[in-house]
Amino acid sequence: MEEHLYTLLSGAVSFPIAWGTLGSGTSTPRAVMFRTGGRRDMHLKGKGLMMGRVQIDCYGKTYLEAITASREVRAVLEGYRGGPVLGAFLEIIRDTKDDDTQLLHGVSLTFSITYRE
């Protein structure tokens, strides 16, 4: 699932996206993906589907840049089905800003992902 989402998003959005780190360079906007949780459904016949949560933080020098990047991600991922992913659903959207550094504005998206392993 991780590789599939990364390939899907990196090929579809107009800015750099990385798994677990902001990556190299200083260009904005940019995004970083994290798995924030997950569990496997179990049943009497054995292993079931995986249910995961993926957070995608979109950053920009301005709020407009960050929210525009988040809209690109949402356009690709909301309701997505393909490969191992049976469904991607937006659960949470929130704005973030580090007042100490005042370097980047952010919009954080949390998706619930149902997938086969």
PDB file of N, CA and C in Angstrom:
ATOM      1  N   MET A   1       0.820  -1.184   0.000  1.00  0.00           N
ATOM      2  CA  MET A   1       0.000   0.000   0.000  1.00  0.00           C
ATOM      3  C   MET A   1       0.872   1.258   0.000  1.00  0.00           C
ATOM      4  N   GLU A   2       1.919   1.276   0.824  1.00  0.00           N
ATOM      5  CA  GLU A   2       2.760   2.469   0.924  1.00  0.00           C
ATOM      6  C   GLU A   2       3.383   2.830  -0.425  1.00  0.00           C
ATOM      7  N   GLU A   3       3.972   1.832  -1.077  1.00  0.00           N
ATOM      8  CA  GLU A   3       4.610   2.079  -2.366  1.00  0.00           C
ATOM      9  C   GLU A   3       3.586   2.509  -3.408  1.00  0.00           C
ATOM     10  N   HIS A   4       2.422   1.889  -3.373  1.00  0.00           N
ATOM     11  CA  HIS A   4       1.371   2.216  -4.335  1.00  0.00           C
ATOM     12  C   HIS A   4       0.906   3.669  -4.160  1.00  0.00           C
ATOM     13  N   LEU A   5       0.650   4.089  -2.930  1.00  0.00           N
ATOM     14  CA  LEU A   5       0.215   5.466  -2.686  1.00  0.00           C
ATOM     15  C   LEU A   5       1.285   6.469  -3.087  1.00  0.00           C
ATOM     16  N   TYR A   6       2.531   6.151  -2.750  1.00  0.00           N
ATOM     17  CA  TYR A   6       3.623   7.057  -3.111  1.00  0.00           C
ATOM     18  C   TYR A   6       3.727   7.215  -4.631  1.00  0.00           C
ATOM     19  N   THR A   7       3.698   6.103  -5.350  1.00  0.00           N
ATOM     20  CA  THR A   7       3.785   6.151  -6.811  1.00  0.00           C
ATOM     21  C   THR A   7       2.601   6.906  -7.406  1.00  0.00           C
ATOM     22  N   LEU A   8       1.416   6.630  -6.888  1.00  0.00           N
ATOM     23  CA  LEU A   8       0.212   7.310  -7.361  1.00  0.00           C
ATOM     24  C   LEU A   8       0.320   8.816  -7.180  1.00  0.00           C
ATOM     25  N   LEU A   9       0.636   9.255  -5.962  1.00  0.00           N
ATOM     26  CA  LEU A   9       0.662  10.687  -5.680  1.00  0.00           C
ATOM     27  C   LEU A   9       1.837  11.398  -6.327  1.00  0.00           C
ATOM     28  N   SER A  10       3.015  10.792  -6.290  1.00  0.00           N
ATOM     29  CA  SER A  10       4.183  11.471  -6.866  1.00  0.00           C
ATOM     30  C   SER A  10       4.047  11.656  -8.371  1.00  0.00           C
ATOM     31  N   GLY A  11       3.280  10.789  -9.021  1.00  0.00           N
ATOM     32  CA  GLY A  11       3.059  10.942 -10.450  1.00  0.00           C
ATOM     33  C   GLY A  11       1.904  11.868 -10.800  1.00  0.00           C
ATOM     34  N   ALA A  12       1.105  12.252  -9.795  1.00  0.00           N
ATOM     35  CA  ALA A  12      -0.114  13.014 -10.085  1.00  0.00           C
ATOM     36  C   ALA A  12      -0.091  14.459  -9.586  1.00  0.00           C
ATOM     37  N   VAL A  13       0.737  14.767  -8.594  1.00  0.00           N
ATOM     38  CA  VAL A  13       0.752  16.139  -8.071  1.00  0.00           C
ATOM     39  C   VAL A  13       1.928  16.907  -8.646  1.00  0.00           C
ATOM     40  N   SER A  14       1.841  18.218  -8.579  1.00  0.00           N
ATOM     41  CA  SER A  14       2.836  19.075  -9.233  1.00  0.00           C
ATOM     42  C   SER A  14       3.984  19.488  -8.318  1.00  0.00           C
ATOM     43  N   PHE A  15       4.148  18.810  -7.191  1.00  0.00           N
ATOM     44  CA  PHE A  15       5.174  19.189  -6.222  1.00  0.00           C
ATOM     45  C   PHE A  15       5.792  17.918  -5.636  1.00  0.00           C
ATOM     46  N   PRO A  16       6.966  18.031  -4.996  1.00  0.00           N
ATOM     47  CA  PRO A  16       7.609  16.852  -4.407  1.00  0.00           C
ATOM     48  C   PRO A  16       6.803  16.296  -3.235  1.00  0.00           C
ATOM     49  N   ILE A  17       6.745  14.972  -3.158  1.00  0.00           N
ATOM     50  CA  ILE A  17       6.098  14.288  -2.042  1.00  0.00           C
ATOM     51  C   ILE A  17       7.006  13.144  -1.635  1.00  0.00           C
ATOM     52  N   ALA A  18       7.125  12.912  -0.332  1.00  0.00           N
ATOM     53  CA  ALA A  18       8.033  11.873   0.162  1.00  0.00           C
ATOM     54  C   ALA A  18       7.366  11.124   1.300  1.00  0.00           C
ATOM     55  N   TRP A  19       7.879   9.939   1.580  1.00  0.00           N
ATOM     56  CA  TRP A  19       7.357   9.128   2.676  1.00  0.00           C
ATOM     57  C   TRP A  19       8.264   9.320   3.885  1.00  0.00           C
ATOM     58  N   GLY A  20       7.717   9.870   4.979  1.00  0.00           N
ATOM     59  CA  GLY A  20       8.435   9.962   6.247  1.00  0.00           C
ATOM     60  C   GLY A  20       9.365  11.140   6.426  1.00  0.00           C
ATOM     61  N   THR A  21       9.586  11.928   5.394  1.00  0.00           N
ATOM     62  CA  THR A  21      10.495  13.064   5.491  1.00  0.00           C
ATOM     63  C   THR A  21      10.114  14.112   4.451  1.00  0.00           C
ATOM     64  N   LEU A  22      10.489  15.345   4.693  1.00  0.00           N
ATOM     65  CA  LEU A  22      10.227  16.379   3.692  1.00  0.00           C
ATOM     66  C   LEU A  22      11.115  16.229   2.468  1.00  0.00           C
ATOM     67  N   GLY A  23      12.113  15.379   2.549  1.00  0.00           N
ATOM     68  CA  GLY A  23      13.002  15.169   1.413  1.00  0.00           C
ATOM     69  C   GLY A  23      14.026  16.280   1.302  1.00  0.00           C
ATOM     70  N   SER A  24      14.761  16.274   0.220  1.00  0.00           N
ATOM     71  CA  SER A  24      15.809  17.275   0.041  1.00  0.00           C
ATOM     72  C   SER A  24      15.279  18.455  -0.761  1.00  0.00           C
ATOM     73  N   GLY A  25      15.980  19.552  -0.653  1.00  0.00           N
ATOM     74  CA  GLY A  25      15.582  20.752  -1.373  1.00  0.00           C
ATOM     75  C   GLY A  25      14.758  21.678  -0.502  1.00  0.00           C
ATOM     76  N   THR A  26      14.519  22.861  -1.024  1.00  0.00           N
ATOM     77  CA  THR A  26      13.798  23.873  -0.257  1.00  0.00           C
ATOM     78  C   THR A  26      12.575  24.398  -0.986  1.00  0.00           C
ATOM     79  N   SER A  27      12.261  23.824  -2.142  1.00  0.00           N
ATOM     80  CA  SER A  27      11.131  24.317  -2.909  1.00  0.00           C
ATOM     81  C   SER A  27       9.815  24.046  -2.179  1.00  0.00           C
ATOM     82  N   THR A  28       8.863  24.918  -2.409  1.00  0.00           N
ATOM     83  CA  THR A  28       7.512  24.717  -1.880  1.00  0.00           C
ATOM     84  C   THR A  28       6.544  24.946  -3.018  1.00  0.00           C
ATOM     85  N   PRO A  29       5.387  24.339  -2.990  1.00  0.00           N
ATOM     86  CA  PRO A  29       4.915  23.456  -1.927  1.00  0.00           C
ATOM     87  C   PRO A  29       5.606  22.106  -1.978  1.00  0.00           C
ATOM     88  N   ARG A  30       5.406  21.348  -0.934  1.00  0.00           N
ATOM     89  CA  ARG A  30       5.892  19.975  -0.840  1.00  0.00           C
ATOM     90  C   ARG A  30       5.050  19.242   0.180  1.00  0.00           C
ATOM     91  N   ALA A  31       5.144  17.920   0.204  1.00  0.00           N
ATOM     92  CA  ALA A  31       4.319  17.131   1.121  1.00  0.00           C
ATOM     93  C   ALA A  31       5.094  15.944   1.662  1.00  0.00           C
ATOM     94  N   VAL A  32       4.671  15.494   2.822  1.00  0.00           N
ATOM     95  CA  VAL A  32       5.254  14.323   3.463  1.00  0.00           C
ATOM     96  C   VAL A  32       4.121  13.409   3.920  1.00  0.00           C
ATOM     97  N   MET A  33       4.330  12.091   3.760  1.00  0.00           N
ATOM     98  CA  MET A  33       3.328  11.083   4.112  1.00  0.00           C
ATOM     99  C   MET A  33       3.823  10.259   5.297  1.00  0.00           C
ATOM    100  N   PHE A  34       2.901   9.920   6.206  1.00  0.00           N
ATOM    101  CA  PHE A  34       3.190   9.074   7.361  1.00  0.00           C
ATOM    102  C   PHE A  34       2.048   8.096   7.565  1.00  0.00           C
ATOM    103  N   ARG A  35       2.365   6.888   8.006  1.00  0.00           N
ATOM    104  CA  ARG A  35       1.319   5.987   8.481  1.00  0.00           C
ATOM    105  C   ARG A  35       1.119   6.339   9.946  1.00  0.00           C
ATOM    106  N   THR A  36      -0.115   6.613  10.343  1.00  0.00           N
ATOM    107  CA  THR A  36      -0.389   6.977  11.727  1.00  0.00           C
ATOM    108  C   THR A  36      -1.117   5.879  12.484  1.00  0.00           C
ATOM    109  N   GLY A  37      -1.502   4.829  11.814  1.00  0.00           N
ATOM    110  CA  GLY A  37      -2.168   3.724  12.494  1.00  0.00           C
ATOM    111  C   GLY A  37      -2.616   2.679  11.499  1.00  0.00           C
ATOM    112  N   GLY A  38      -3.015   1.562  12.038  1.00  0.00           N
ATOM    113  CA  GLY A  38      -3.519   0.506  11.181  1.00  0.00           C
ATOM    114  C   GLY A  38      -3.884  -0.721  11.985  1.00  0.00           C
ATOM    115  N   ARG A  39      -4.736  -1.529  11.391  1.00  0.00           N
ATOM    116  CA  ARG A  39      -5.116  -2.788  12.020  1.00  0.00           C
ATOM    117  C   ARG A  39      -5.603  -3.740  10.931  1.00  0.00           C
ATOM    118  N   ARG A  40      -5.570  -5.016  11.254  1.00  0.00           N
ATOM    119  CA  ARG A  40      -6.059  -6.027  10.329  1.00  0.00           C
ATOM    120  C   ARG A  40      -7.387  -6.555  10.854  1.00  0.00           C
ATOM    121  N   ASP A  41      -8.349  -6.659   9.959  1.00  0.00           N
ATOM    122  CA  ASP A  41      -9.590  -7.340  10.309  1.00  0.00           C
ATOM    123  C   ASP A  41      -9.326  -8.832  10.311  1.00  0.00           C
ATOM    124  N   MET A  42      -9.784  -9.500  11.339  1.00  0.00           N
ATOM    125  CA  MET A  42      -9.621 -10.947  11.435  1.00  0.00           C
ATOM    126  C   MET A  42     -11.001 -11.592  11.433  1.00  0.00           C
ATOM    127  N   HIS A  43     -11.076 -12.795  10.887  1.00  0.00           N
ATOM    128  CA  HIS A  43     -12.324 -13.546  10.905  1.00  0.00           C
ATOM    129  C   HIS A  43     -11.987 -15.021  11.037  1.00  0.00           C
ATOM    130  N   LEU A  44     -12.987 -15.857  11.112  1.00  0.00           N
ATOM    131  CA  LEU A  44     -12.762 -17.281  11.365  1.00  0.00           C
ATOM    132  C   LEU A  44     -11.971 -17.980  10.264  1.00  0.00           C
ATOM    133  N   LYS A  45     -11.966 -17.420   9.073  1.00  0.00           N
ATOM    134  CA  LYS A  45     -11.216 -18.028   7.969  1.00  0.00           C
ATOM    135  C   LYS A  45      -9.775 -17.514   7.893  1.00  0.00           C
ATOM    136  N   GLY A  46      -9.382 -16.634   8.811  1.00  0.00           N
ATOM    137  CA  GLY A  46      -8.015 -16.142   8.816  1.00  0.00           C
ATOM    138  C   GLY A  46      -7.929 -14.638   8.674  1.00  0.00           C
ATOM    139  N   LYS A  47      -6.887 -14.205   8.003  1.00  0.00           N
ATOM    140  CA  LYS A  47      -6.610 -12.779   7.861  1.00  0.00           C
ATOM    141  C   LYS A  47      -7.612 -12.115   6.927  1.00  0.00           C
ATOM    142  N   GLY A  48      -7.969 -10.894   7.293  1.00  0.00           N
ATOM    143  CA  GLY A  48      -8.865 -10.104   6.463  1.00  0.00           C
ATOM    144  C   GLY A  48      -8.149  -8.909   5.873  1.00  0.00           C
ATOM    145  N   LEU A  49      -8.889  -7.888   5.550  1.00  0.00           N
ATOM    146  CA  LEU A  49      -8.345  -6.666   4.966  1.00  0.00           C
ATOM    147  C   LEU A  49      -7.604  -5.843   6.003  1.00  0.00           C
ATOM    148  N   MET A  50      -6.715  -5.003   5.540  1.00  0.00           N
ATOM    149  CA  MET A  50      -6.022  -4.051   6.402  1.00  0.00           C
ATOM    150  C   MET A  50      -6.796  -2.729   6.365  1.00  0.00           C
ATOM    151  N   MET A  51      -6.831  -2.085   7.505  1.00  0.00           N
ATOM    152  CA  MET A  51      -7.421  -0.754   7.621  1.00  0.00           C
ATOM    153  C   MET A  51      -6.320   0.142   8.162  1.00  0.00           C
ATOM    154  N   GLY A  52      -5.872   1.097   7.366  1.00  0.00           N
ATOM    155  CA  GLY A  52      -4.781   1.961   7.787  1.00  0.00           C
ATOM    156  C   GLY A  52      -5.178   3.421   7.777  1.00  0.00           C
ATOM    157  N   ARG A  53      -4.385   4.208   8.467  1.00  0.00           N
ATOM    158  CA  ARG A  53      -4.543   5.662   8.444  1.00  0.00           C
ATOM    159  C   ARG A  53      -3.236   6.256   7.936  1.00  0.00           C
ATOM    160  N   VAL A  54      -3.353   7.125   6.963  1.00  0.00           N
ATOM    161  CA  VAL A  54      -2.194   7.793   6.390  1.00  0.00           C
ATOM    162  C   VAL A  54      -2.411   9.284   6.510  1.00  0.00           C
ATOM    163  N   GLN A  55      -1.415   9.952   7.077  1.00  0.00           N
ATOM    164  CA  GLN A  55      -1.459  11.411   7.194  1.00  0.00           C
ATOM    165  C   GLN A  55      -0.558  11.998   6.116  1.00  0.00           C
ATOM    166  N   ILE A  56      -1.066  12.997   5.417  1.00  0.00           N
ATOM    167  CA  ILE A  56      -0.287  13.692   4.391  1.00  0.00           C
ATOM    168  C   ILE A  56      -0.261  15.162   4.768  1.00  0.00           C
ATOM    169  N   ASP A  57       0.934  15.645   5.090  1.00  0.00           N
ATOM    170  CA  ASP A  57       1.111  17.040   5.476  1.00  0.00           C
ATOM    171  C   ASP A  57       1.625  17.817   4.275  1.00  0.00           C
ATOM    172  N   CYS A  58       0.854  18.823   3.868  1.00  0.00           N
ATOM    173  CA  CYS A  58       1.213  19.679   2.734  1.00  0.00           C
ATOM    174  C   CYS A  58       1.727  21.008   3.275  1.00  0.00           C
ATOM    175  N   TYR A  59       2.893  21.433   2.798  1.00  0.00           N
ATOM    176  CA  TYR A  59       3.531  22.645   3.301  1.00  0.00           C
ATOM    177  C   TYR A  59       3.735  23.661   2.185  1.00  0.00           C
ATOM    178  N   GLY A  60       3.675  24.928   2.575  1.00  0.00           N
ATOM    179  CA  GLY A  60       3.945  26.013   1.645  1.00  0.00           C
ATOM    180  C   GLY A  60       4.468  27.230   2.380  1.00  0.00           C
ATOM    181  N   LYS A  61       5.070  28.150   1.638  1.00  0.00           N
ATOM    182  CA  LYS A  61       5.545  29.395   2.249  1.00  0.00           C
ATOM    183  C   LYS A  61       4.379  30.270   2.673  1.00  0.00           C
ATOM    184  N   THR A  62       3.230  30.072   2.024  1.00  0.00           N
ATOM    185  CA  THR A  62       2.012  30.793   2.389  1.00  0.00           C
ATOM    186  C   THR A  62       0.901  29.774   2.619  1.00  0.00           C
ATOM    187  N   TYR A  63      -0.146  30.218   3.302  1.00  0.00           N
ATOM    188  CA  TYR A  63      -1.281  29.331   3.514  1.00  0.00           C
ATOM    189  C   TYR A  63      -1.918  28.956   2.182  1.00  0.00           C
ATOM    190  N   LEU A  64      -2.010  29.907   1.258  1.00  0.00           N
ATOM    191  CA  LEU A  64      -2.595  29.622  -0.053  1.00  0.00           C
ATOM    192  C   LEU A  64      -1.831  28.518  -0.763  1.00  0.00           C
ATOM    193  N   GLU A  65      -0.514  28.543  -0.679  1.00  0.00           N
ATOM    194  CA  GLU A  65       0.299  27.500  -1.312  1.00  0.00           C
ATOM    195  C   GLU A  65       0.030  26.134  -0.661  1.00  0.00           C
ATOM    196  N   ALA A  66      -0.077  26.099   0.663  1.00  0.00           N
ATOM    197  CA  ALA A  66      -0.316  24.840   1.374  1.00  0.00           C
ATOM    198  C   ALA A  66      -1.711  24.289   1.077  1.00  0.00           C
ATOM    199  N   ILE A  67      -2.734  25.133   1.101  1.00  0.00           N
ATOM    200  CA  ILE A  67      -4.103  24.648   0.867  1.00  0.00           C
ATOM    201  C   ILE A  67      -4.279  24.212  -0.585  1.00  0.00           C
ATOM    202  N   THR A  68      -3.625  24.885  -1.507  1.00  0.00           N
ATOM    203  CA  THR A  68      -3.692  24.493  -2.913  1.00  0.00           C
ATOM    204  C   THR A  68      -3.054  23.115  -3.107  1.00  0.00           C
ATOM    205  N   ALA A  69      -1.920  22.883  -2.447  1.00  0.00           N
ATOM    206  CA  ALA A  69      -1.276  21.565  -2.516  1.00  0.00           C
ATOM    207  C   ALA A  69      -2.186  20.497  -1.926  1.00  0.00           C
ATOM    208  N   SER A  70      -2.839  20.797  -0.810  1.00  0.00           N
ATOM    209  CA  SER A  70      -3.727  19.806  -0.191  1.00  0.00           C
ATOM    210  C   SER A  70      -4.905  19.489  -1.099  1.00  0.00           C
ATOM    211  N   ARG A  71      -5.375  20.473  -1.843  1.00  0.00           N
ATOM    212  CA  ARG A  71      -6.483  20.221  -2.781  1.00  0.00           C
ATOM    213  C   ARG A  71      -6.044  19.308  -3.919  1.00  0.00           C
ATOM    214  N   GLU A  72      -4.797  19.424  -4.345  1.00  0.00           N
ATOM    215  CA  GLU A  72      -4.279  18.508  -5.373  1.00  0.00           C
ATOM    216  C   GLU A  72      -4.262  17.076  -4.852  1.00  0.00           C
ATOM    217  N   VAL A  73      -3.791  16.900  -3.621  1.00  0.00           N
ATOM    218  CA  VAL A  73      -3.755  15.562  -3.020  1.00  0.00           C
ATOM    219  C   VAL A  73      -5.168  15.018  -2.897  1.00  0.00           C
ATOM    220  N   ARG A  74      -6.091  15.821  -2.413  1.00  0.00           N
ATOM    221  CA  ARG A  74      -7.471  15.378  -2.240  1.00  0.00           C
ATOM    222  C   ARG A  74      -8.093  14.974  -3.568  1.00  0.00           C
ATOM    223  N   ALA A  75      -7.807  15.734  -4.628  1.00  0.00           N
ATOM    224  CA  ALA A  75      -8.378  15.422  -5.941  1.00  0.00           C
ATOM    225  C   ALA A  75      -7.932  14.049  -6.432  1.00  0.00           C
ATOM    226  N   VAL A  76      -6.737  13.643  -6.070  1.00  0.00           N
ATOM    227  CA  VAL A  76      -6.213  12.342  -6.496  1.00  0.00           C
ATOM    228  C   VAL A  76      -6.694  11.222  -5.570  1.00  0.00           C
ATOM    229  N   LEU A  77      -6.668  11.451  -4.270  1.00  0.00           N
ATOM    230  CA  LEU A  77      -6.820  10.355  -3.318  1.00  0.00           C
ATOM    231  C   LEU A  77      -8.232  10.152  -2.773  1.00  0.00           C
ATOM    232  N   GLU A  78      -9.036  11.196  -2.673  1.00  0.00           N
ATOM    233  CA  GLU A  78     -10.381  11.026  -2.108  1.00  0.00           C
ATOM    234  C   GLU A  78     -11.215  10.088  -2.966  1.00  0.00           C
ATOM    235  N   GLY A  79     -11.663   8.994  -2.372  1.00  0.00           N
ATOM    236  CA  GLY A  79     -12.478   8.022  -3.089  1.00  0.00           C
ATOM    237  C   GLY A  79     -11.694   7.109  -4.013  1.00  0.00           C
ATOM    238  N   TYR A  80     -10.364   7.167  -3.968  1.00  0.00           N
ATOM    239  CA  TYR A  80      -9.530   6.367  -4.873  1.00  0.00           C
ATOM    240  C   TYR A  80      -9.690   4.873  -4.615  1.00  0.00           C
ATOM    241  N   ARG A  81      -9.686   4.096  -5.705  1.00  0.00           N
ATOM    242  CA  ARG A  81      -9.626   2.626  -5.692  1.00  0.00           C
ATOM    243  C   ARG A  81      -8.669   2.213  -6.794  1.00  0.00           C
ATOM    244  N   GLY A  82      -7.784   1.304  -6.471  1.00  0.00           N
ATOM    245  CA  GLY A  82      -6.859   0.793  -7.476  1.00  0.00           C
ATOM    246  C   GLY A  82      -5.730   0.036  -6.828  1.00  0.00           C
ATOM    247  N   GLY A  83      -5.127  -0.920  -7.569  1.00  0.00           N
ATOM    248  CA  GLY A  83      -4.050  -1.734  -7.013  1.00  0.00           C
ATOM    249  C   GLY A  83      -4.530  -2.421  -5.743  1.00  0.00           C
ATOM    250  N   PRO A  84      -3.744  -2.363  -4.680  1.00  0.00           N
ATOM    251  CA  PRO A  84      -4.153  -3.000  -3.432  1.00  0.00           C
ATOM    252  C   PRO A  84      -5.179  -2.173  -2.641  1.00  0.00           C
ATOM    253  N   VAL A  85      -5.417  -0.938  -3.055  1.00  0.00           N
ATOM    254  CA  VAL A  85      -6.304  -0.031  -2.316  1.00  0.00           C
ATOM    255  C   VAL A  85      -7.754  -0.252  -2.743  1.00  0.00           C
ATOM    256  N   LEU A  86      -8.582  -0.615  -1.776  1.00  0.00           N
ATOM    257  CA  LEU A  86     -10.007  -0.812  -2.034  1.00  0.00           C
ATOM    258  C   LEU A  86     -10.809   0.456  -1.789  1.00  0.00           C
ATOM    259  N   GLY A  87     -10.239   1.379  -1.044  1.00  0.00           N
ATOM    260  CA  GLY A  87     -10.920   2.647  -0.802  1.00  0.00           C
ATOM    261  C   GLY A  87     -10.066   3.574   0.032  1.00  0.00           C
ATOM    262  N   ALA A  88     -10.053   4.853  -0.344  1.00  0.00           N
ATOM    263  CA  ALA A  88      -9.348   5.895   0.409  1.00  0.00           C
ATOM    264  C   ALA A  88     -10.359   6.977   0.748  1.00  0.00           C
ATOM    265  N   PHE A  89     -10.470   7.290   2.035  1.00  0.00           N
ATOM    266  CA  PHE A  89     -11.511   8.204   2.498  1.00  0.00           C
ATOM    267  C   PHE A  89     -10.911   9.262   3.409  1.00  0.00           C
ATOM    268  N   LEU A  90     -11.179  10.526   3.108  1.00  0.00           N
ATOM    269  CA  LEU A  90     -10.683  11.632   3.932  1.00  0.00           C
ATOM    270  C   LEU A  90     -11.434  11.638   5.254  1.00  0.00           C
ATOM    271  N   GLU A  91     -10.699  11.600   6.356  1.00  0.00           N
ATOM    272  CA  GLU A  91     -11.306  11.627   7.687  1.00  0.00           C
ATOM    273  C   GLU A  91     -11.126  12.963   8.374  1.00  0.00           C
ATOM    274  N   ILE A  92      -9.938  13.545   8.263  1.00  0.00           N
ATOM    275  CA  ILE A  92      -9.618  14.760   9.009  1.00  0.00           C
ATOM    276  C   ILE A  92      -8.828  15.698   8.119  1.00  0.00           C
ATOM    277  N   ILE A  93      -9.141  16.982   8.206  1.00  0.00           N
ATOM    278  CA  ILE A  93      -8.331  18.024   7.581  1.00  0.00           C
ATOM    279  C   ILE A  93      -8.123  19.110   8.625  1.00  0.00           C
ATOM    280  N   ARG A  94      -6.886  19.545   8.765  1.00  0.00           N
ATOM    281  CA  ARG A  94      -6.624  20.609   9.739  1.00  0.00           C
ATOM    282  C   ARG A  94      -5.443  21.458   9.273  1.00  0.00           C
ATOM    283  N   ASP A  95      -5.449  22.690   9.711  1.00  0.00           N
ATOM    284  CA  ASP A  95      -4.363  23.612   9.403  1.00  0.00           C
ATOM    285  C   ASP A  95      -3.309  23.514  10.501  1.00  0.00           C
ATOM    286  N   THR A  96      -2.051  23.644  10.093  1.00  0.00           N
ATOM    287  CA  THR A  96      -0.958  23.623  11.055  1.00  0.00           C
ATOM    288  C   THR A  96      -0.029  24.786  10.768  1.00  0.00           C
ATOM    289  N   LYS A  97       0.562  25.316  11.815  1.00  0.00           N
ATOM    290  CA  LYS A  97       1.558  26.363  11.646  1.00  0.00           C
ATOM    291  C   LYS A  97       2.436  26.366  12.877  1.00  0.00           C
ATOM    292  N   ASP A  98       3.727  26.318  12.673  1.00  0.00           N
ATOM    293  CA  ASP A  98       4.671  26.357  13.773  1.00  0.00           C
ATOM    294  C   ASP A  98       4.980  27.813  14.079  1.00  0.00           C
ATOM    295  N   ASP A  99       4.395  28.345  15.137  1.00  0.00           N
ATOM    296  CA  ASP A  99       4.578  29.756  15.480  1.00  0.00           C
ATOM    297  C   ASP A  99       6.007  30.088  15.878  1.00  0.00           C
ATOM    298  N   ASP A 100       6.758  29.087  16.354  1.00  0.00           N
ATOM    299  CA  ASP A 100       8.138  29.351  16.765  1.00  0.00           C
ATOM    300  C   ASP A 100       9.025  29.696  15.581  1.00  0.00           C
ATOM    301  N   THR A 101       8.866  28.983  14.496  1.00  0.00           N
ATOM    302  CA  THR A 101       9.762  29.205  13.353  1.00  0.00           C
ATOM    303  C   THR A 101       9.142  30.121  12.310  1.00  0.00           C
ATOM    304  N   GLN A 102       7.829  30.089  12.152  1.00  0.00           N
ATOM    305  CA  GLN A 102       7.106  30.882  11.164  1.00  0.00           C
ATOM    306  C   GLN A 102       7.688  30.725   9.760  1.00  0.00           C
ATOM    307  N   LEU A 103       8.165  29.517   9.459  1.00  0.00           N
ATOM    308  CA  LEU A 103       8.756  29.274   8.151  1.00  0.00           C
ATOM    309  C   LEU A 103       7.752  28.716   7.155  1.00  0.00           C
ATOM    310  N   LEU A 104       6.927  27.763   7.599  1.00  0.00           N
ATOM    311  CA  LEU A 104       6.020  27.095   6.678  1.00  0.00           C
ATOM    312  C   LEU A 104       4.604  27.035   7.235  1.00  0.00           C
ATOM    313  N   HIS A 105       3.656  27.175   6.360  1.00  0.00           N
ATOM    314  CA  HIS A 105       2.259  26.930   6.686  1.00  0.00           C
ATOM    315  C   HIS A 105       1.956  25.500   6.251  1.00  0.00           C
ATOM    316  N   GLY A 106       0.999  24.870   6.922  1.00  0.00           N
ATOM    317  CA  GLY A 106       0.693  23.494   6.569  1.00  0.00           C
ATOM    318  C   GLY A 106      -0.783  23.178   6.631  1.00  0.00           C
ATOM    319  N   VAL A 107      -1.155  22.193   5.827  1.00  0.00           N
ATOM    320  CA  VAL A 107      -2.488  21.613   5.871  1.00  0.00           C
ATOM    321  C   VAL A 107      -2.284  20.110   5.980  1.00  0.00           C
ATOM    322  N   SER A 108      -2.867  19.524   7.018  1.00  0.00           N
ATOM    323  CA  SER A 108      -2.698  18.108   7.291  1.00  0.00           C
ATOM    324  C   SER A 108      -3.976  17.357   6.926  1.00  0.00           C
ATOM    325  N   LEU A 109      -3.823  16.298   6.138  1.00  0.00           N
ATOM    326  CA  LEU A 109      -4.938  15.459   5.718  1.00  0.00           C
ATOM    327  C   LEU A 109      -4.742  14.065   6.296  1.00  0.00           C
ATOM    328  N   THR A 110      -5.777  13.491   6.901  1.00  0.00           N
ATOM    329  CA  THR A 110      -5.705  12.117   7.371  1.00  0.00           C
ATOM    330  C   THR A 110      -6.724  11.286   6.608  1.00  0.00           C
ATOM    331  N   PHE A 111      -6.221  10.250   5.947  1.00  0.00           N
ATOM    332  CA  PHE A 111      -7.066   9.357   5.147  1.00  0.00           C
ATOM    333  C   PHE A 111      -7.161   8.000   5.820  1.00  0.00           C
ATOM    334  N   SER A 112      -8.343   7.410   5.756  1.00  0.00           N
ATOM    335  CA  SER A 112      -8.545   6.012   6.119  1.00  0.00           C
ATOM    336  C   SER A 112      -8.398   5.215   4.830  1.00  0.00           C
ATOM    337  N   ILE A 113      -7.511   4.225   4.846  1.00  0.00           N
ATOM    338  CA  ILE A 113      -7.224   3.434   3.658  1.00  0.00           C
ATOM    339  C   ILE A 113      -7.569   1.968   3.934  1.00  0.00           C
ATOM    340  N   THR A 114      -8.439   1.400   3.135  1.00  0.00           N
ATOM    341  CA  THR A 114      -8.730  -0.022   3.208  1.00  0.00           C
ATOM    342  C   THR A 114      -7.966  -0.692   2.076  1.00  0.00           C
ATOM    343  N   TYR A 115      -7.181  -1.730   2.407  1.00  0.00           N
ATOM    344  CA  TYR A 115      -6.327  -2.333   1.376  1.00  0.00           C
ATOM    345  C   TYR A 115      -6.063  -3.803   1.660  1.00  0.00           C
ATOM    346  N   ARG A 116      -5.648  -4.473   0.590  1.00  0.00           N
ATOM    347  CA  ARG A 116      -5.204  -5.866   0.686  1.00  0.00           C
ATOM    348  C   ARG A 116      -3.701  -5.891   0.797  1.00  0.00           C
ATOM    349  N   GLU A 117      -3.188  -6.775   1.625  1.00  0.00           N
ATOM    350  CA  GLU A 117      -1.749  -6.923   1.749  1.00  0.00           C
ATOM    351  C   GLU A 117      -1.248  -8.049   0.890  1.00  0.00           C
TER     352      GLU A 117
END
